[in-house]
Every structure is written in structure tokens, then in C-alpha cells.
Amino acid sequence: MTAPNITLPDVLRSFIDDQVRQRGYSTRSEYVRELIRKDQNRQHQRGLVLDGAESAPTVPVNGDYFESLRAKVRVRMRSANLQSQTSLSL
């Protein structure tokens, strides 16, 4: 692991120290790592949204769509239950 050196004004360093104390971080580095991970996640989420916005339109989602999904789940659950009962009786 590398240790970058970051120069901060006193007001930002004080803010970080307050966050470390108030939010239970053990070190400044732990706090900064979490900020970076959150930013990575935010950028990833943004990319997914942009990809979705650029994708081709699909069928509208309505109550019938969700009911068809529920029906598929019920069929698979029944199938899984039958398989587990069969394997228990062997």
C-alpha cells in the first residue's frame, strides 16, 4: 500500500479530525478511504444510469409485467421444493 502525501489547509484538516472523532473512524486514512470508495460507487452508479438512458427503449413495466415475474418465481419455487423433497426421499 502506498501513502500519498496530501497538503490541506488547517480548516480542512480540522474538519477531517472532527469527522474521525465523531463518526468513529480509527484514523484519518480510514475516513479518506471511505470517501474515495463512496465516490467510486457514486461514479459507478452514474455510469449505470447513463448506460440505461442510452439503451434502447423496452416494453413498459406495469402490473401485468410484475405479475408475470411473480408467476415465474412461484413455478421455480415449486420446482425447487419438489426437487428437495425428491432428494430427501432417496
PDB file of N, CA and C in Angstrom:
ATOM      1  N   MET A   1       0.851  -1.169   0.000  1.00  0.00           N
ATOM      2  CA  MET A   1       0.000   0.000   0.000  1.00  0.00           C
ATOM      3  C   MET A   1       0.899   1.235   0.000  1.00  0.00           C
ATOM      4  N   THR A   2       0.534   2.230  -0.793  1.00  0.00           N
ATOM      5  CA  THR A   2       1.313   3.462  -0.824  1.00  0.00           C
ATOM      6  C   THR A   2       0.670   4.509   0.055  1.00  0.00           C
ATOM      7  N   ALA A   3       1.457   5.449   0.498  1.00  0.00           N
ATOM      8  CA  ALA A   3       0.972   6.520   1.371  1.00  0.00           C
ATOM      9  C   ALA A   3       1.158   7.859   0.675  1.00  0.00           C
ATOM     10  N   PRO A   4       0.120   8.357  -0.005  1.00  0.00           N
ATOM     11  CA  PRO A   4       0.261   9.658  -0.657  1.00  0.00           C
ATOM     12  C   PRO A   4       0.323  10.778   0.377  1.00  0.00           C
ATOM     13  N   ASN A   5       1.016  11.801   0.038  1.00  0.00           N
ATOM     14  CA  ASN A   5       1.130  12.955   0.912  1.00  0.00           C
ATOM     15  C   ASN A   5       0.187  14.029   0.376  1.00  0.00           C
ATOM     16  N   ILE A   6      -0.761  14.460   1.192  1.00  0.00           N
ATOM     17  CA  ILE A   6      -1.745  15.450   0.774  1.00  0.00           C
ATOM     18  C   ILE A   6      -1.618  16.675   1.669  1.00  0.00           C
ATOM     19  N   THR A   7      -1.497  17.824   1.028  1.00  0.00           N
ATOM     20  CA  THR A   7      -1.414  19.072   1.779  1.00  0.00           C
ATOM     21  C   THR A   7      -2.807  19.680   1.864  1.00  0.00           C
ATOM     22  N   LEU A   8      -3.245  19.967   3.092  1.00  0.00           N
ATOM     23  CA  LEU A   8      -4.571  20.532   3.317  1.00  0.00           C
ATOM     24  C   LEU A   8      -4.469  21.796   4.153  1.00  0.00           C
ATOM     25  N   PRO A   9      -5.373  22.740   3.916  1.00  0.00           N
ATOM     26  CA  PRO A   9      -5.419  23.896   4.810  1.00  0.00           C
ATOM     27  C   PRO A   9      -5.886  23.440   6.200  1.00  0.00           C
ATOM     28  N   ASP A  10      -5.560  24.218   7.189  1.00  0.00           N
ATOM     29  CA  ASP A  10      -5.902  23.865   8.576  1.00  0.00           C
ATOM     30  C   ASP A  10      -7.380  23.595   8.773  1.00  0.00           C
ATOM     31  N   VAL A  11      -8.223  24.377   8.100  1.00  0.00           N
ATOM     32  CA  VAL A  11      -9.669  24.210   8.289  1.00  0.00           C
ATOM     33  C   VAL A  11     -10.131  22.836   7.798  1.00  0.00           C
ATOM     34  N   LEU A  12      -9.560  22.328   6.705  1.00  0.00           N
ATOM     35  CA  LEU A  12      -9.932  21.000   6.225  1.00  0.00           C
ATOM     36  C   LEU A  12      -9.365  19.892   7.112  1.00  0.00           C
ATOM     37  N   ARG A  13      -8.153  20.081   7.562  1.00  0.00           N
ATOM     38  CA  ARG A  13      -7.566  19.087   8.467  1.00  0.00           C
ATOM     39  C   ARG A  13      -8.380  19.004   9.760  1.00  0.00           C
ATOM     40  N   SER A  14      -8.809  20.146  10.257  1.00  0.00           N
ATOM     41  CA  SER A  14      -9.643  20.174  11.456  1.00  0.00           C
ATOM     42  C   SER A  14     -10.980  19.473  11.207  1.00  0.00           C
ATOM     43  N   PHE A  15     -11.547  19.707  10.033  1.00  0.00           N
ATOM     44  CA  PHE A  15     -12.806  19.043   9.679  1.00  0.00           C
ATOM     45  C   PHE A  15     -12.627  17.528   9.657  1.00  0.00           C
ATOM     46  N   ILE A  16     -11.563  17.060   9.037  1.00  0.00           N
ATOM     47  CA  ILE A  16     -11.289  15.618   8.978  1.00  0.00           C
ATOM     48  C   ILE A  16     -11.122  15.058  10.376  1.00  0.00           C
ATOM     49  N   ASP A  17     -10.373  15.748  11.214  1.00  0.00           N
ATOM     50  CA  ASP A  17     -10.169  15.272  12.583  1.00  0.00           C
ATOM     51  C   ASP A  17     -11.497  15.189  13.337  1.00  0.00           C
ATOM     52  N   ASP A  18     -12.374  16.167  13.121  1.00  0.00           N
ATOM     53  CA  ASP A  18     -13.700  16.138  13.759  1.00  0.00           C
ATOM     54  C   ASP A  18     -14.502  14.931  13.270  1.00  0.00           C
ATOM     55  N   GLN A  19     -14.454  14.659  11.970  1.00  0.00           N
ATOM     56  CA  GLN A  19     -15.182  13.519  11.408  1.00  0.00           C
ATOM     57  C   GLN A  19     -14.657  12.202  11.954  1.00  0.00           C
ATOM     58  N   VAL A  20     -13.351  12.102  12.083  1.00  0.00           N
ATOM     59  CA  VAL A  20     -12.736  10.890  12.620  1.00  0.00           C
ATOM     60  C   VAL A  20     -13.244  10.649  14.040  1.00  0.00           C
ATOM     61  N   ARG A  21     -13.256  11.692  14.841  1.00  0.00           N
ATOM     62  CA  ARG A  21     -13.723  11.568  16.221  1.00  0.00           C
ATOM     63  C   ARG A  21     -15.225  11.276  16.291  1.00  0.00           C
ATOM     64  N   GLN A  22     -16.011  12.065  15.595  1.00  0.00           N
ATOM     65  CA  GLN A  22     -17.467  11.978  15.716  1.00  0.00           C
ATOM     66  C   GLN A  22     -18.057  10.723  15.087  1.00  0.00           C
ATOM     67  N   ARG A  23     -17.443  10.238  14.044  1.00  0.00           N
ATOM     68  CA  ARG A  23     -18.032   9.127  13.302  1.00  0.00           C
ATOM     69  C   ARG A  23     -17.341   7.799  13.565  1.00  0.00           C
ATOM     70  N   GLY A  24     -16.391   7.790  14.470  1.00  0.00           N
ATOM     71  CA  GLY A  24     -15.800   6.536  14.922  1.00  0.00           C
ATOM     72  C   GLY A  24     -14.731   5.936  14.030  1.00  0.00           C
ATOM     73  N   TYR A  25     -14.119   6.729  13.192  1.00  0.00           N
ATOM     74  CA  TYR A  25     -13.010   6.215  12.390  1.00  0.00           C
ATOM     75  C   TYR A  25     -11.789   6.091  13.285  1.00  0.00           C
ATOM     76  N   SER A  26     -10.943   5.130  12.967  1.00  0.00           N
ATOM     77  CA  SER A  26      -9.755   4.967  13.796  1.00  0.00           C
ATOM     78  C   SER A  26      -8.610   5.870  13.343  1.00  0.00           C
ATOM     79  N   THR A  27      -8.609   6.255  12.053  1.00  0.00           N
ATOM     80  CA  THR A  27      -7.540   7.120  11.541  1.00  0.00           C
ATOM     81  C   THR A  27      -8.102   8.061  10.477  1.00  0.00           C
ATOM     82  N   ARG A  28      -7.338   9.079  10.158  1.00  0.00           N
ATOM     83  CA  ARG A  28      -7.691   9.966   9.049  1.00  0.00           C
ATOM     84  C   ARG A  28      -7.730   9.183   7.740  1.00  0.00           C
ATOM     85  N   SER A  29      -6.784   8.282   7.586  1.00  0.00           N
ATOM     86  CA  SER A  29      -6.713   7.490   6.367  1.00  0.00           C
ATOM     87  C   SER A  29      -7.985   6.677   6.156  1.00  0.00           C
ATOM     88  N   GLU A  30      -8.507   6.104   7.217  1.00  0.00           N
ATOM     89  CA  GLU A  30      -9.736   5.319   7.115  1.00  0.00           C
ATOM     90  C   GLU A  30     -10.881   6.202   6.607  1.00  0.00           C
ATOM     91  N   TYR A  31     -10.974   7.404   7.129  1.00  0.00           N
ATOM     92  CA  TYR A  31     -12.008   8.351   6.696  1.00  0.00           C
ATOM     93  C   TYR A  31     -11.838   8.695   5.217  1.00  0.00           C
ATOM     94  N   VAL A  32     -10.634   9.015   4.795  1.00  0.00           N
ATOM     95  CA  VAL A  32     -10.377   9.392   3.406  1.00  0.00           C
ATOM     96  C   VAL A  32     -10.632   8.205   2.475  1.00  0.00           C
ATOM     97  N   ARG A  33     -10.237   7.004   2.881  1.00  0.00           N
ATOM     98  CA  ARG A  33     -10.501   5.817   2.054  1.00  0.00           C
ATOM     99  C   ARG A  33     -11.997   5.623   1.840  1.00  0.00           C
ATOM    100  N   GLU A  34     -12.787   5.844   2.910  1.00  0.00           N
ATOM    101  CA  GLU A  34     -14.234   5.696   2.764  1.00  0.00           C
ATOM    102  C   GLU A  34     -14.795   6.740   1.801  1.00  0.00           C
ATOM    103  N   LEU A  35     -14.313   7.962   1.875  1.00  0.00           N
ATOM    104  CA  LEU A  35     -14.762   8.994   0.940  1.00  0.00           C
ATOM    105  C   LEU A  35     -14.453   8.599  -0.503  1.00  0.00           C
ATOM    106  N   ILE A  36     -13.267   8.060  -0.716  1.00  0.00           N
ATOM    107  CA  ILE A  36     -12.877   7.654  -2.068  1.00  0.00           C
ATOM    108  C   ILE A  36     -13.753   6.496  -2.545  1.00  0.00           C
ATOM    109  N   ARG A  37     -14.010   5.514  -1.673  1.00  0.00           N
ATOM    110  CA  ARG A  37     -14.867   4.388  -2.056  1.00  0.00           C
ATOM    111  C   ARG A  37     -16.276   4.864  -2.394  1.00  0.00           C
ATOM    112  N   LYS A  38     -16.795   5.799  -1.595  1.00  0.00           N
ATOM    113  CA  LYS A  38     -18.132   6.336  -1.870  1.00  0.00           C
ATOM    114  C   LYS A  38     -18.154   7.065  -3.208  1.00  0.00           C
ATOM    115  N   ASP A  39     -17.099   7.789  -3.518  1.00  0.00           N
ATOM    116  CA  ASP A  39     -17.030   8.493  -4.798  1.00  0.00           C
ATOM    117  C   ASP A  39     -16.956   7.488  -5.945  1.00  0.00           C
ATOM    118  N   GLN A  40     -16.178   6.416  -5.776  1.00  0.00           N
ATOM    119  CA  GLN A  40     -16.112   5.369  -6.802  1.00  0.00           C
ATOM    120  C   GLN A  40     -17.496   4.776  -7.034  1.00  0.00           C
ATOM    121  N   ASN A  41     -18.197   4.478  -5.954  1.00  0.00           N
ATOM    122  CA  ASN A  41     -19.527   3.901  -6.059  1.00  0.00           C
ATOM    123  C   ASN A  41     -20.486   4.872  -6.746  1.00  0.00           C
ATOM    124  N   ARG A  42     -20.418   6.142  -6.394  1.00  0.00           N
ATOM    125  CA  ARG A  42     -21.269   7.164  -7.000  1.00  0.00           C
ATOM    126  C   ARG A  42     -21.008   7.247  -8.507  1.00  0.00           C
ATOM    127  N   GLN A  43     -19.743   7.225  -8.887  1.00  0.00           N
ATOM    128  CA  GLN A  43     -19.409   7.280 -10.309  1.00  0.00           C
ATOM    129  C   GLN A  43     -19.888   6.024 -11.042  1.00  0.00           C
ATOM    130  N   HIS A  44     -19.758   4.871 -10.386  1.00  0.00           N
ATOM    131  CA  HIS A  44     -20.247   3.627 -10.983  1.00  0.00           C
ATOM    132  C   HIS A  44     -21.759   3.694 -11.190  1.00  0.00           C
ATOM    133  N   GLN A  45     -22.478   4.151 -10.155  1.00  0.00           N
ATOM    134  CA  GLN A  45     -23.936   4.282 -10.244  1.00  0.00           C
ATOM    135  C   GLN A  45     -24.324   5.250 -11.363  1.00  0.00           C
ATOM    136  N   ARG A  46     -23.609   6.345 -11.459  1.00  0.00           N
ATOM    137  CA  ARG A  46     -23.882   7.334 -12.507  1.00  0.00           C
ATOM    138  C   ARG A  46     -23.679   6.704 -13.887  1.00  0.00           C
ATOM    139  N   GLY A  47     -22.620   5.920 -14.023  1.00  0.00           N
ATOM    140  CA  GLY A  47     -22.370   5.236 -15.281  1.00  0.00           C
ATOM    141  C   GLY A  47     -23.500   4.286 -15.646  1.00  0.00           C
ATOM    142  N   LEU A  48     -24.021   3.569 -14.649  1.00  0.00           N
ATOM    143  CA  LEU A  48     -25.138   2.661 -14.911  1.00  0.00           C
ATOM    144  C   LEU A  48     -26.374   3.428 -15.361  1.00  0.00           C
ATOM    145  N   VAL A  49     -26.633   4.550 -14.715  1.00  0.00           N
ATOM    146  CA  VAL A  49     -27.790   5.370 -15.097  1.00  0.00           C
ATOM    147  C   VAL A  49     -27.616   5.890 -16.525  1.00  0.00           C
ATOM    148  N   LEU A  50     -26.420   6.374 -16.846  1.00  0.00           N
ATOM    149  CA  LEU A  50     -26.177   6.874 -18.202  1.00  0.00           C
ATOM    150  C   LEU A  50     -26.290   5.757 -19.233  1.00  0.00           C
ATOM    151  N   ASP A  51     -25.771   4.574 -18.904  1.00  0.00           N
ATOM    152  CA  ASP A  51     -25.901   3.431 -19.812  1.00  0.00           C
ATOM    153  C   ASP A  51     -27.375   3.102 -20.043  1.00  0.00           C
ATOM    154  N   GLY A  52     -28.140   3.130 -18.975  1.00  0.00           N
ATOM    155  CA  GLY A  52     -29.573   2.853 -19.097  1.00  0.00           C
ATOM    156  C   GLY A  52     -30.282   3.904 -19.937  1.00  0.00           C
ATOM    157  N   ALA A  53     -29.900   5.152 -19.747  1.00  0.00           N
ATOM    158  CA  ALA A  53     -30.526   6.229 -20.512  1.00  0.00           C
ATOM    159  C   ALA A  53     -30.201   6.115 -21.995  1.00  0.00           C
ATOM    160  N   GLU A  54     -29.039   5.576 -22.316  1.00  0.00           N
ATOM    161  CA  GLU A  54     -28.625   5.442 -23.712  1.00  0.00           C
ATOM    162  C   GLU A  54     -29.097   4.141 -24.356  1.00  0.00           C
ATOM    163  N   SER A  55     -29.661   3.242 -23.558  1.00  0.00           N
ATOM    164  CA  SER A  55     -30.082   1.955 -24.107  1.00  0.00           C
ATOM    165  C   SER A  55     -31.406   2.096 -24.858  1.00  0.00           C
ATOM    166  N   ALA A  56     -31.686   1.087 -25.645  1.00  0.00           N
ATOM    167  CA  ALA A  56     -32.916   1.086 -26.440  1.00  0.00           C
ATOM    168  C   ALA A  56     -34.134   0.986 -25.527  1.00  0.00           C
ATOM    169  N   PRO A  57     -35.231   1.607 -25.922  1.00  0.00           N
ATOM    170  CA  PRO A  57     -36.453   1.507 -25.117  1.00  0.00           C
ATOM    171  C   PRO A  57     -36.918   0.054 -25.023  1.00  0.00           C
ATOM    172  N   THR A  58     -37.580  -0.259 -23.943  1.00  0.00           N
ATOM    173  CA  THR A  58     -38.093  -1.608 -23.734  1.00  0.00           C
ATOM    174  C   THR A  58     -39.602  -1.547 -23.543  1.00  0.00           C
ATOM    175  N   VAL A  59     -40.173  -2.675 -23.245  1.00  0.00           N
ATOM    176  CA  VAL A  59     -41.615  -2.763 -23.002  1.00  0.00           C
ATOM    177  C   VAL A  59     -41.937  -2.021 -21.706  1.00  0.00           C
ATOM    178  N   PRO A  60     -43.030  -1.269 -21.685  1.00  0.00           N
ATOM    179  CA  PRO A  60     -43.399  -0.575 -20.436  1.00  0.00           C
ATOM    180  C   PRO A  60     -43.621  -1.570 -19.300  1.00  0.00           C
ATOM    181  N   VAL A  61     -43.226  -1.175 -18.122  1.00  0.00           N
ATOM    182  CA  VAL A  61     -43.389  -2.013 -16.937  1.00  0.00           C
ATOM    183  C   VAL A  61     -44.684  -1.598 -16.255  1.00  0.00           C
ATOM    184  N   ASN A  62     -45.564  -2.589 -16.060  1.00  0.00           N
ATOM    185  CA  ASN A  62     -46.827  -2.311 -15.387  1.00  0.00           C
ATOM    186  C   ASN A  62     -47.162  -3.487 -14.466  1.00  0.00           C
ATOM    187  N   GLY A  63     -48.357  -3.508 -13.939  1.00  0.00           N
ATOM    188  CA  GLY A  63     -48.766  -4.566 -13.020  1.00  0.00           C
ATOM    189  C   GLY A  63     -48.712  -5.948 -13.641  1.00  0.00           C
ATOM    190  N   ASP A  64     -49.066  -6.048 -14.916  1.00  0.00           N
ATOM    191  CA  ASP A  64     -49.015  -7.348 -15.594  1.00  0.00           C
ATOM    192  C   ASP A  64     -47.586  -7.882 -15.675  1.00  0.00           C
ATOM    193  N   TYR A  65     -46.652  -7.005 -15.928  1.00  0.00           N
ATOM    194  CA  TYR A  65     -45.241  -7.402 -16.002  1.00  0.00           C
ATOM    195  C   TYR A  65     -44.794  -8.004 -14.667  1.00  0.00           C
ATOM    196  N   PHE A  66     -45.110  -7.305 -13.560  1.00  0.00           N
ATOM    197  CA  PHE A  66     -44.689  -7.794 -12.253  1.00  0.00           C
ATOM    198  C   PHE A  66     -45.414  -9.088 -11.884  1.00  0.00           C
ATOM    199  N   GLU A  67     -46.667  -9.208 -12.284  1.00  0.00           N
ATOM    200  CA  GLU A  67     -47.390 -10.451 -12.007  1.00  0.00           C
ATOM    201  C   GLU A  67     -46.770 -11.619 -12.765  1.00  0.00           C
ATOM    202  N   SER A  68     -46.302 -11.378 -13.991  1.00  0.00           N
ATOM    203  CA  SER A  68     -45.650 -12.454 -14.739  1.00  0.00           C
ATOM    204  C   SER A  68     -44.339 -12.864 -14.056  1.00  0.00           C
ATOM    205  N   LEU A  69     -43.631 -11.906 -13.490  1.00  0.00           N
ATOM    206  CA  LEU A  69     -42.416 -12.250 -12.740  1.00  0.00           C
ATOM    207  C   LEU A  69     -42.756 -13.080 -11.508  1.00  0.00           C
ATOM    208  N   ARG A  70     -43.806 -12.689 -10.788  1.00  0.00           N
ATOM    209  CA  ARG A  70     -44.219 -13.450  -9.601  1.00  0.00           C
ATOM    210  C   ARG A  70     -44.598 -14.885  -9.981  1.00  0.00           C
ATOM    211  N   ALA A  71     -45.297 -15.033 -11.106  1.00  0.00           N
ATOM    212  CA  ALA A  71     -45.698 -16.368 -11.556  1.00  0.00           C
ATOM    213  C   ALA A  71     -44.465 -17.225 -11.853  1.00  0.00           C
ATOM    214  N   LYS A  72     -43.457 -16.642 -12.505  1.00  0.00           N
ATOM    215  CA  LYS A  72     -42.225 -17.384 -12.790  1.00  0.00           C
ATOM    216  C   LYS A  72     -41.535 -17.817 -11.500  1.00  0.00           C
ATOM    217  N   VAL A  73     -41.514 -16.936 -10.517  1.00  0.00           N
ATOM    218  CA  VAL A  73     -40.889 -17.270  -9.230  1.00  0.00           C
ATOM    219  C   VAL A  73     -41.652 -18.402  -8.558  1.00  0.00           C
ATOM    220  N   ARG A  74     -42.994 -18.336  -8.592  1.00  0.00           N
ATOM    221  CA  ARG A  74     -43.784 -19.393  -7.973  1.00  0.00           C
ATOM    222  C   ARG A  74     -43.500 -20.759  -8.621  1.00  0.00           C
ATOM    223  N   VAL A  75     -43.418 -20.778  -9.947  1.00  0.00           N
ATOM    224  CA  VAL A  75     -43.126 -22.027 -10.661  1.00  0.00           C
ATOM    225  C   VAL A  75     -41.762 -22.564 -10.247  1.00  0.00           C
ATOM    226  N   ARG A  76     -40.774 -21.689 -10.195  1.00  0.00           N
ATOM    227  CA  ARG A  76     -39.421 -22.138  -9.818  1.00  0.00           C
ATOM    228  C   ARG A  76     -39.366 -22.596  -8.365  1.00  0.00           C
ATOM    229  N   MET A  77     -40.105 -21.907  -7.500  1.00  0.00           N
ATOM    230  CA  MET A  77     -40.125 -22.312  -6.083  1.00  0.00           C
ATOM    231  C   MET A  77     -40.759 -23.705  -5.949  1.00  0.00           C
ATOM    232  N   ARG A  78     -41.855 -23.926  -6.665  1.00  0.00           N
ATOM    233  CA  ARG A  78     -42.489 -25.251  -6.626  1.00  0.00           C
ATOM    234  C   ARG A  78     -41.536 -26.316  -7.138  1.00  0.00           C
ATOM    235  N   SER A  79     -40.850 -26.007  -8.223  1.00  0.00           N
ATOM    236  CA  SER A  79     -39.897 -26.959  -8.797  1.00  0.00           C
ATOM    237  C   SER A  79     -38.769 -27.250  -7.813  1.00  0.00           C
ATOM    238  N   ALA A  80     -38.261 -26.211  -7.168  1.00  0.00           N
ATOM    239  CA  ALA A  80     -37.177 -26.392  -6.189  1.00  0.00           C
ATOM    240  C   ALA A  80     -37.663 -27.217  -4.999  1.00  0.00           C
ATOM    241  N   ASN A  81     -38.887 -26.969  -4.557  1.00  0.00           N
ATOM    242  CA  ASN A  81     -39.437 -27.745  -3.435  1.00  0.00           C
ATOM    243  C   ASN A  81     -39.605 -29.209  -3.807  1.00  0.00           C
ATOM    244  N   LEU A  82     -40.072 -29.460  -5.022  1.00  0.00           N
ATOM    245  CA  LEU A  82     -40.219 -30.843  -5.467  1.00  0.00           C
ATOM    246  C   LEU A  82     -38.868 -31.539  -5.548  1.00  0.00           C
ATOM    247  N   GLN A  83     -37.872 -30.850  -6.044  1.00  0.00           N
ATOM    248  CA  GLN A  83     -36.534 -31.437  -6.154  1.00  0.00           C
ATOM    249  C   GLN A  83     -35.963 -31.737  -4.780  1.00  0.00           C
ATOM    250  N   SER A  84     -36.161 -30.833  -3.818  1.00  0.00           N
ATOM    251  CA  SER A  84     -35.614 -31.071  -2.478  1.00  0.00           C
ATOM    252  C   SER A  84     -36.352 -32.213  -1.799  1.00  0.00           C
ATOM    253  N   GLN A  85     -37.658 -32.342  -2.041  1.00  0.00           N
ATOM    254  CA  GLN A  85     -38.406 -33.464  -1.465  1.00  0.00           C
ATOM    255  C   GLN A  85     -37.956 -34.789  -2.080  1.00  0.00           C
ATOM    256  N   THR A  86     -37.696 -34.789  -3.369  1.00  0.00           N
ATOM    257  CA  THR A  86     -37.235 -35.996  -4.051  1.00  0.00           C
ATOM    258  C   THR A  86     -35.878 -36.415  -3.534  1.00  0.00           C
ATOM    259  N   SER A  87     -34.984 -35.442  -3.347  1.00  0.00           N
ATOM    260  CA  SER A  87     -33.638 -35.798  -2.880  1.00  0.00           C
ATOM    261  C   SER A  87     -33.660 -36.256  -1.438  1.00  0.00           C
ATOM    262  N   LEU A  88     -34.618 -35.790  -0.641  1.00  0.00           N
ATOM    263  CA  LEU A  88     -34.703 -36.246   0.746  1.00  0.00           C
ATOM    264  C   LEU A  88     -35.175 -37.690   0.828  1.00  0.00           C
ATOM    265  N   SER A  89     -36.030 -38.097  -0.106  1.00  0.00           N
ATOM    266  CA  SER A  89     -36.576 -39.454  -0.034  1.00  0.00           C
ATOM    267  C   SER A  89     -35.624 -40.499  -0.602  1.00  0.00           C
ATOM    268  N   LEU A  90     -34.520 -40.085  -1.203  1.00  0.00           N
ATOM    269  CA  LEU A  90     -33.580 -41.062  -1.767  1.00  0.00           C
ATOM    270  C   LEU A  90     -32.777 -41.702  -0.716  1.00  0.00           C
TER     271      LEU A  90
END
